[in-house]
Amino acid sequence: MSQTPPQRINKYLAQSGVCSRRKADDLIAQDQVTINGERALLGDLVKPGDLVKVAGQPVFEETEKIFLLFHKPFGVICTADPKANNNIFEYLPNDLRLIQVGRLDVESSGLMLLTNDGEAANKIMHPSSNHEKEYLVEVTATITSDFIRKMEDGVILDGSKTKPCKLGKINDHTFSMVLTEGRNRQIRHMCEALGYEVSKLKRERILNLTLGKLKPGEYRELKKTEIYLLLKGLE
């Protein structure tokens, strides 16, 4: 019988559903991770039978990959901090250790993906991923063709231009928007830069996953076919 080969500590933590690889590197640098009681270093290998702890808590590699879709309501905070009132994890099963794949600000609603698969989460969130996310946006001012053109071409934020995106006008105050990047409050800041104020923002899609019939505050597990297509799209 072949043994499981050793793997790097950051990959082990990601596959255990603790965090993404990037966050794992941060925890290691902060001396929060140990292997068999010894402080872990970047690049350390975890062998079968090793005991890994994060902040003193044992970590075990997950065998079953779990993916949940959640319809985040307006006002819910995307944080794992249990001290934060009305945080996203109050709506989810408390026996699962899940990673948020990206986030939505407290004033936005819509689709959130959560998983214990740190590798998949990292691939979706990585700045170079170019994976599509679709939003429904309502603004207070009348949408013009000039506004659409400038948004699609890219807007200067913090000294750099946003990537080209796709807009579809729905009515005078509502449009759909497909992004392939995820800067902090990007859509709101893009609109503000052009003199528009966002009154409502809802995420409808992440890659092949859509909100569907999920009501605010509801969640569901992905079907096996959905997981297959999602992971296939990340290859």
C-alpha atoms as a PDB file:
ATOM      1  CA  MET A   1       0.000   0.000   0.000  1.00  0.00           C
ATOM      2  CA  SER A   2       1.468   3.389  -0.991  1.00  0.00           C
ATOM      3  CA  GLN A   3       1.832   6.030   1.683  1.00  0.00           C
ATOM      4  CA  THR A   4       0.539   9.566   1.343  1.00  0.00           C
ATOM      5  CA  PRO A   5       3.544  11.658   0.276  1.00  0.00           C
ATOM      6  CA  PRO A   6       4.697  14.600   2.422  1.00  0.00           C
ATOM      7  CA  GLN A   7       3.260  17.976   1.453  1.00  0.00           C
ATOM      8  CA  ARG A   8       4.181  21.555   2.157  1.00  0.00           C
ATOM      9  CA  ILE A   9       2.657  23.011   5.305  1.00  0.00           C
ATOM     10  CA  ASN A  10       0.751  25.774   3.484  1.00  0.00           C
ATOM     11  CA  LYS A  11      -0.842  23.248   1.126  1.00  0.00           C
ATOM     12  CA  TYR A  12      -1.699  20.983   4.080  1.00  0.00           C
ATOM     13  CA  LEU A  13      -3.498  23.848   5.857  1.00  0.00           C
ATOM     14  CA  ALA A  14      -5.339  24.792   2.664  1.00  0.00           C
ATOM     15  CA  GLN A  15      -6.502  21.228   2.019  1.00  0.00           C
ATOM     16  CA  SER A  16      -7.546  20.945   5.662  1.00  0.00           C
ATOM     17  CA  GLY A  17      -9.992  23.798   5.141  1.00  0.00           C
ATOM     18  CA  VAL A  18      -8.223  26.130   7.576  1.00  0.00           C
ATOM     19  CA  CYS A  19      -7.437  28.905   5.108  1.00  0.00           C
ATOM     20  CA  SER A  20      -6.004  29.637   1.680  1.00  0.00           C
ATOM     21  CA  ARG A  21      -2.300  29.027   0.971  1.00  0.00           C
ATOM     22  CA  ARG A  22      -1.594  32.744   1.107  1.00  0.00           C
ATOM     23  CA  LYS A  23      -3.243  33.079   4.525  1.00  0.00           C
ATOM     24  CA  ALA A  24      -1.374  29.949   5.663  1.00  0.00           C
ATOM     25  CA  ASP A  25       1.926  31.630   4.799  1.00  0.00           C
ATOM     26  CA  ASP A  26       0.872  34.606   6.938  1.00  0.00           C
ATOM     27  CA  LEU A  27      -0.004  32.356   9.901  1.00  0.00           C
ATOM     28  CA  ILE A  28       3.333  30.562   9.588  1.00  0.00           C
ATOM     29  CA  ALA A  29       5.208  33.882   9.491  1.00  0.00           C
ATOM     30  CA  GLN A  30       3.312  34.950  12.622  1.00  0.00           C
ATOM     31  CA  ASP A  31       4.500  31.794  14.470  1.00  0.00           C
ATOM     32  CA  GLN A  32       0.909  30.542  14.765  1.00  0.00           C
ATOM     33  CA  VAL A  33       1.649  27.096  13.290  1.00  0.00           C
ATOM     34  CA  THR A  34       3.497  24.132  14.824  1.00  0.00           C
ATOM     35  CA  ILE A  35       4.405  20.650  13.553  1.00  0.00           C
ATOM     36  CA  ASN A  36       4.869  18.067  16.296  1.00  0.00           C
ATOM     37  CA  GLY A  37       5.284  20.863  18.817  1.00  0.00           C
ATOM     38  CA  GLU A  38       7.977  22.692  16.840  1.00  0.00           C
ATOM     39  CA  ARG A  39       7.440  26.102  15.228  1.00  0.00           C
ATOM     40  CA  ALA A  40       6.690  25.627  11.529  1.00  0.00           C
ATOM     41  CA  LEU A  41       8.712  27.442   8.899  1.00  0.00           C
ATOM     42  CA  LEU A  42       7.739  28.357   5.345  1.00  0.00           C
ATOM     43  CA  GLY A  43       8.384  25.350   3.122  1.00  0.00           C
ATOM     44  CA  ASP A  44       8.267  22.761   5.916  1.00  0.00           C
ATOM     45  CA  LEU A  45       6.829  19.375   4.932  1.00  0.00           C
ATOM     46  CA  VAL A  46       4.022  17.559   6.739  1.00  0.00           C
ATOM     47  CA  LYS A  47       4.376  13.761   6.770  1.00  0.00           C
ATOM     48  CA  PRO A  48       1.660  11.188   7.543  1.00  0.00           C
ATOM     49  CA  GLY A  49       1.247  11.011  11.313  1.00  0.00           C
ATOM     50  CA  ASP A  50       2.556  14.531  11.999  1.00  0.00           C
ATOM     51  CA  LEU A  51       0.511  16.648  14.398  1.00  0.00           C
ATOM     52  CA  VAL A  52      -0.155  20.130  13.049  1.00  0.00           C
ATOM     53  CA  LYS A  53      -1.628  22.868  15.217  1.00  0.00           C
ATOM     54  CA  VAL A  54      -2.764  26.420  14.409  1.00  0.00           C
ATOM     55  CA  ALA A  55      -2.932  28.763  17.403  1.00  0.00           C
ATOM     56  CA  GLY A  56      -2.717  25.688  19.614  1.00  0.00           C
ATOM     57  CA  GLN A  57      -5.641  23.876  17.960  1.00  0.00           C
ATOM     58  CA  PRO A  58      -5.056  20.535  16.142  1.00  0.00           C
ATOM     59  CA  VAL A  59      -5.623  20.491  12.398  1.00  0.00           C
ATOM     60  CA  PHE A  60      -6.687  17.392  10.489  1.00  0.00           C
ATOM     61  CA  GLU A  61      -6.872  17.111   6.738  1.00  0.00           C
ATOM     62  CA  GLU A  62     -10.413  17.021   5.397  1.00  0.00           C
ATOM     63  CA  THR A  63     -11.304  14.008   3.283  1.00  0.00           C
ATOM     64  CA  GLU A  64     -14.683  15.174   1.948  1.00  0.00           C
ATOM     65  CA  LYS A  65     -14.788  18.424   0.031  1.00  0.00           C
ATOM     66  CA  ILE A  66     -17.763  20.603   0.897  1.00  0.00           C
ATOM     67  CA  PHE A  67     -19.058  23.543  -1.155  1.00  0.00           C
ATOM     68  CA  LEU A  68     -21.958  25.694   0.009  1.00  0.00           C
ATOM     69  CA  LEU A  69     -23.833  28.456  -1.785  1.00  0.00           C
ATOM     70  CA  PHE A  70     -25.256  31.131   0.498  1.00  0.00           C
ATOM     71  CA  HIS A  71     -27.531  34.067  -0.277  1.00  0.00           C
ATOM     72  CA  LYS A  72     -26.066  36.814   1.883  1.00  0.00           C
ATOM     73  CA  PRO A  73     -28.718  39.289   2.996  1.00  0.00           C
ATOM     74  CA  PHE A  74     -28.160  43.033   3.198  1.00  0.00           C
ATOM     75  CA  GLY A  75     -26.569  43.924   6.551  1.00  0.00           C
ATOM     76  CA  VAL A  76     -24.769  40.617   7.141  1.00  0.00           C
ATOM     77  CA  ILE A  77     -21.022  40.928   7.775  1.00  0.00           C
ATOM     78  CA  CYS A  78     -18.590  38.672   5.905  1.00  0.00           C
ATOM     79  CA  THR A  79     -16.316  37.731   8.794  1.00  0.00           C
ATOM     80  CA  ALA A  80     -15.444  34.643  10.826  1.00  0.00           C
ATOM     81  CA  ASP A  81     -15.090  36.755  13.969  1.00  0.00           C
ATOM     82  CA  PRO A  82     -17.644  35.294  16.419  1.00  0.00           C
ATOM     83  CA  LYS A  83     -17.751  38.618  18.263  1.00  0.00           C
ATOM     84  CA  ALA A  84     -19.208  40.372  15.216  1.00  0.00           C
ATOM     85  CA  ASN A  85     -22.992  40.599  15.383  1.00  0.00           C
ATOM     86  CA  ASN A  86     -24.921  39.276  12.384  1.00  0.00           C
ATOM     87  CA  ASN A  87     -21.869  37.638  10.808  1.00  0.00           C
ATOM     88  CA  ILE A  88     -22.177  35.239   7.888  1.00  0.00           C
ATOM     89  CA  PHE A  89     -21.400  32.110   9.898  1.00  0.00           C
ATOM     90  CA  GLU A  90     -24.451  32.609  12.130  1.00  0.00           C
ATOM     91  CA  TYR A  91     -26.505  31.442   9.128  1.00  0.00           C
ATOM     92  CA  LEU A  92     -24.430  28.318   8.384  1.00  0.00           C
ATOM     93  CA  PRO A  93     -23.926  24.909  10.032  1.00  0.00           C
ATOM     94  CA  ASN A  94     -21.633  25.377  13.038  1.00  0.00           C
ATOM     95  CA  ASP A  95     -20.040  21.930  12.685  1.00  0.00           C
ATOM     96  CA  LEU A  96     -18.304  22.784   9.417  1.00  0.00           C
ATOM     97  CA  ARG A  97     -14.980  24.566   9.047  1.00  0.00           C
ATOM     98  CA  LEU A  98     -15.447  26.682   5.947  1.00  0.00           C
ATOM     99  CA  ILE A  99     -13.517  29.360   4.078  1.00  0.00           C
ATOM    100  CA  GLN A 100     -15.254  32.344   2.506  1.00  0.00           C
ATOM    101  CA  VAL A 101     -14.375  32.588  -1.175  1.00  0.00           C
ATOM    102  CA  GLY A 102     -14.074  36.357  -1.405  1.00  0.00           C
ATOM    103  CA  ARG A 103     -16.546  38.627   0.316  1.00  0.00           C
ATOM    104  CA  LEU A 104     -19.393  41.101  -0.113  1.00  0.00           C
ATOM    105  CA  ASP A 105     -19.545  44.353   1.826  1.00  0.00           C
ATOM    106  CA  VAL A 106     -22.199  44.744   4.505  1.00  0.00           C
ATOM    107  CA  GLU A 107     -24.417  46.895   2.237  1.00  0.00           C
ATOM    108  CA  SER A 108     -24.404  44.326  -0.589  1.00  0.00           C
ATOM    109  CA  SER A 109     -26.314  41.074  -0.959  1.00  0.00           C
ATOM    110  CA  GLY A 110     -26.186  37.984  -3.092  1.00  0.00           C
ATOM    111  CA  LEU A 111     -24.163  34.895  -3.835  1.00  0.00           C
ATOM    112  CA  MET A 112     -21.377  33.711  -1.529  1.00  0.00           C
ATOM    113  CA  LEU A 113     -19.392  30.510  -1.992  1.00  0.00           C
ATOM    114  CA  LEU A 114     -17.957  28.764   1.062  1.00  0.00           C
ATOM    115  CA  THR A 115     -15.819  25.624   1.115  1.00  0.00           C
ATOM    116  CA  ASN A 116     -13.328  23.541   3.069  1.00  0.00           C
ATOM    117  CA  ASP A 117     -11.243  23.189  -0.109  1.00  0.00           C
ATOM    118  CA  GLY A 118      -8.514  25.778   0.398  1.00  0.00           C
ATOM    119  CA  GLU A 119      -6.897  25.018  -2.952  1.00  0.00           C
ATOM    120  CA  ALA A 120     -10.082  25.763  -4.880  1.00  0.00           C
ATOM    121  CA  ALA A 121     -10.723  28.892  -2.804  1.00  0.00           C
ATOM    122  CA  ASN A 122      -7.207  30.158  -3.517  1.00  0.00           C
ATOM    123  CA  LYS A 123      -7.562  29.582  -7.268  1.00  0.00           C
ATOM    124  CA  ILE A 124     -10.835  31.518  -7.402  1.00  0.00           C
ATOM    125  CA  MET A 125      -9.593  34.433  -5.262  1.00  0.00           C
ATOM    126  CA  HIS A 126      -6.116  34.796  -6.763  1.00  0.00           C
ATOM    127  CA  PRO A 127      -5.713  38.198  -8.515  1.00  0.00           C
ATOM    128  CA  SER A 128      -4.542  36.526 -11.739  1.00  0.00           C
ATOM    129  CA  SER A 129      -7.499  34.135 -11.947  1.00  0.00           C
ATOM    130  CA  ASN A 130      -9.741  36.212 -14.284  1.00  0.00           C
ATOM    131  CA  HIS A 131     -12.800  34.233 -13.152  1.00  0.00           C
ATOM    132  CA  GLU A 132     -16.147  35.871 -13.874  1.00  0.00           C
ATOM    133  CA  LYS A 133     -18.497  37.225 -11.226  1.00  0.00           C
ATOM    134  CA  GLU A 134     -21.786  38.859 -12.234  1.00  0.00           C
ATOM    135  CA  TYR A 135     -23.638  41.591 -10.343  1.00  0.00           C
ATOM    136  CA  LEU A 136     -26.970  43.405 -10.543  1.00  0.00           C
ATOM    137  CA  VAL A 137     -26.423  47.091  -9.784  1.00  0.00           C
ATOM    138  CA  GLU A 138     -28.893  49.914  -9.158  1.00  0.00           C
ATOM    139  CA  VAL A 139     -27.744  53.554  -9.218  1.00  0.00           C
ATOM    140  CA  THR A 140     -29.460  56.814  -8.306  1.00  0.00           C
ATOM    141  CA  ALA A 141     -28.657  58.716 -11.526  1.00  0.00           C
ATOM    142  CA  THR A 142     -29.808  57.944 -15.071  1.00  0.00           C
ATOM    143  CA  ILE A 143     -27.508  55.519 -16.889  1.00  0.00           C
ATOM    144  CA  THR A 144     -26.039  56.951 -20.089  1.00  0.00           C
ATOM    145  CA  SER A 145     -24.130  55.361 -22.969  1.00  0.00           C
ATOM    146  CA  ASP A 146     -21.079  57.392 -21.892  1.00  0.00           C
ATOM    147  CA  PHE A 147     -21.257  55.888 -18.393  1.00  0.00           C
ATOM    148  CA  ILE A 148     -21.474  52.362 -19.819  1.00  0.00           C
ATOM    149  CA  ARG A 149     -18.537  52.964 -22.176  1.00  0.00           C
ATOM    150  CA  LYS A 150     -16.305  54.353 -19.433  1.00  0.00           C
ATOM    151  CA  MET A 151     -17.180  51.563 -16.987  1.00  0.00           C
ATOM    152  CA  GLU A 152     -16.479  48.883 -19.606  1.00  0.00           C
ATOM    153  CA  ASP A 153     -13.203  50.484 -20.641  1.00  0.00           C
ATOM    154  CA  GLY A 154     -11.946  50.730 -17.048  1.00  0.00           C
ATOM    155  CA  VAL A 155     -11.786  53.387 -14.335  1.00  0.00           C
ATOM    156  CA  ILE A 156      -8.720  54.731 -12.526  1.00  0.00           C
ATOM    157  CA  LEU A 157      -8.841  53.679  -8.854  1.00  0.00           C
ATOM    158  CA  ASP A 158      -5.921  54.303  -6.501  1.00  0.00           C
ATOM    159  CA  GLY A 159      -3.617  55.073  -9.399  1.00  0.00           C
ATOM    160  CA  SER A 160      -4.352  52.028 -11.571  1.00  0.00           C
ATOM    161  CA  LYS A 161      -7.014  51.242 -14.128  1.00  0.00           C
ATOM    162  CA  THR A 162      -9.589  48.521 -13.532  1.00  0.00           C
ATOM    163  CA  LYS A 163      -9.742  45.650 -16.009  1.00  0.00           C
ATOM    164  CA  PRO A 164     -12.226  45.879 -18.887  1.00  0.00           C
ATOM    165  CA  CYS A 165     -15.654  44.522 -17.908  1.00  0.00           C
ATOM    166  CA  LYS A 166     -19.062  43.886 -19.450  1.00  0.00           C
ATOM    167  CA  LEU A 167     -22.198  45.934 -18.726  1.00  0.00           C
ATOM    168  CA  GLY A 168     -25.786  45.364 -19.820  1.00  0.00           C
ATOM    169  CA  LYS A 169     -28.347  48.128 -19.325  1.00  0.00           C
ATOM    170  CA  ILE A 170     -31.616  46.806 -17.852  1.00  0.00           C
ATOM    171  CA  ASN A 171     -33.429  50.110 -17.315  1.00  0.00           C
ATOM    172  CA  ASP A 172     -32.549  53.765 -16.665  1.00  0.00           C
ATOM    173  CA  HIS A 173     -31.178  53.003 -13.198  1.00  0.00           C
ATOM    174  CA  THR A 174     -30.191  49.315 -13.301  1.00  0.00           C
ATOM    175  CA  PHE A 175     -27.464  47.382 -15.098  1.00  0.00           C
ATOM    176  CA  SER A 176     -25.770  43.984 -14.970  1.00  0.00           C
ATOM    177  CA  MET A 177     -21.981  43.872 -14.659  1.00  0.00           C
ATOM    178  CA  VAL A 178     -19.482  41.050 -15.200  1.00  0.00           C
ATOM    179  CA  LEU A 179     -16.111  41.475 -13.483  1.00  0.00           C
ATOM    180  CA  THR A 180     -12.947  39.386 -13.611  1.00  0.00           C
ATOM    181  CA  GLU A 181     -11.237  41.098 -10.663  1.00  0.00           C
ATOM    182  CA  GLY A 182     -12.251  41.883  -7.118  1.00  0.00           C
ATOM    183  CA  ARG A 183     -10.851  45.056  -5.622  1.00  0.00           C
ATOM    184  CA  ASN A 184     -12.318  46.281  -2.343  1.00  0.00           C
ATOM    185  CA  ARG A 185     -15.787  47.794  -2.972  1.00  0.00           C
ATOM    186  CA  GLN A 186     -14.782  48.017  -6.629  1.00  0.00           C
ATOM    187  CA  ILE A 187     -18.164  48.567  -8.249  1.00  0.00           C
ATOM    188  CA  ARG A 188     -19.141  51.258  -5.763  1.00  0.00           C
ATOM    189  CA  HIS A 189     -15.829  53.079  -6.217  1.00  0.00           C
ATOM    190  CA  MET A 190     -16.008  52.825 -10.016  1.00  0.00           C
ATOM    191  CA  CYS A 191     -19.479  54.338 -10.030  1.00  0.00           C
ATOM    192  CA  GLU A 192     -18.451  57.076  -7.575  1.00  0.00           C
ATOM    193  CA  ALA A 193     -15.499  57.990  -9.802  1.00  0.00           C
ATOM    194  CA  LEU A 194     -17.983  58.699 -12.597  1.00  0.00           C
ATOM    195  CA  GLY A 195     -20.401  60.655 -10.383  1.00  0.00           C
ATOM    196  CA  TYR A 196     -22.872  57.838  -9.715  1.00  0.00           C
ATOM    197  CA  GLU A 197     -24.041  56.459  -6.373  1.00  0.00           C
ATOM    198  CA  VAL A 198     -24.925  52.783  -5.938  1.00  0.00           C
ATOM    199  CA  SER A 199     -28.257  52.305  -4.166  1.00  0.00           C
ATOM    200  CA  LYS A 200     -28.397  48.509  -4.436  1.00  0.00           C
ATOM    201  CA  LEU A 201     -25.825  45.837  -5.306  1.00  0.00           C
ATOM    202  CA  LYS A 202     -26.423  42.104  -5.590  1.00  0.00           C
ATOM    203  CA  ARG A 203     -24.080  39.355  -6.783  1.00  0.00           C
ATOM    204  CA  GLU A 204     -25.903  36.910  -9.054  1.00  0.00           C
ATOM    205  CA  ARG A 205     -23.132  34.574 -10.280  1.00  0.00           C
ATOM    206  CA  ILE A 206     -19.650  33.207  -9.522  1.00  0.00           C
ATOM    207  CA  LEU A 207     -18.225  31.270 -12.505  1.00  0.00           C
ATOM    208  CA  ASN A 208     -20.830  28.575 -13.328  1.00  0.00           C
ATOM    209  CA  LEU A 209     -22.693  29.022 -10.027  1.00  0.00           C
ATOM    210  CA  THR A 210     -25.836  31.165  -9.863  1.00  0.00           C
ATOM    211  CA  LEU A 211     -28.092  32.383  -7.071  1.00  0.00           C
ATOM    212  CA  GLY A 212     -31.085  30.573  -8.549  1.00  0.00           C
ATOM    213  CA  LYS A 213     -34.030  30.260  -6.132  1.00  0.00           C
ATOM    214  CA  LEU A 214     -32.010  30.755  -2.942  1.00  0.00           C
ATOM    215  CA  LYS A 215     -33.745  33.281  -0.705  1.00  0.00           C
ATOM    216  CA  PRO A 216     -31.811  35.725   1.519  1.00  0.00           C
ATOM    217  CA  GLY A 217     -30.349  33.823   4.474  1.00  0.00           C
ATOM    218  CA  GLU A 218     -30.675  30.412   2.789  1.00  0.00           C
ATOM    219  CA  TYR A 219     -27.842  28.087   1.759  1.00  0.00           C
ATOM    220  CA  ARG A 220     -27.477  24.800  -0.098  1.00  0.00           C
ATOM    221  CA  GLU A 221     -24.733  22.304  -0.890  1.00  0.00           C
ATOM    222  CA  LEU A 222     -23.458  22.100  -4.438  1.00  0.00           C
ATOM    223  CA  LYS A 223     -24.457  19.071  -6.469  1.00  0.00           C
ATOM    224  CA  LYS A 224     -21.677  16.731  -7.606  1.00  0.00           C
ATOM    225  CA  THR A 225     -22.060  17.891 -11.196  1.00  0.00           C
ATOM    226  CA  GLU A 226     -21.726  21.528 -10.096  1.00  0.00           C
ATOM    227  CA  ILE A 227     -18.561  20.731  -8.115  1.00  0.00           C
ATOM    228  CA  TYR A 228     -17.116  18.858 -11.096  1.00  0.00           C
ATOM    229  CA  LEU A 229     -17.758  21.777 -13.472  1.00  0.00           C
ATOM    230  CA  LEU A 230     -16.427  24.272 -10.928  1.00  0.00           C
ATOM    231  CA  LEU A 231     -13.178  22.396 -10.351  1.00  0.00           C
ATOM    232  CA  LYS A 232     -12.822  21.679 -14.070  1.00  0.00           C
ATOM    233  CA  GLY A 233     -13.043  25.409 -14.740  1.00  0.00           C
ATOM    234  CA  LEU A 234     -10.232  26.056 -12.271  1.00  0.00           C
ATOM    235  CA  GLU A 235      -7.737  23.747 -13.984  1.00  0.00           C
END
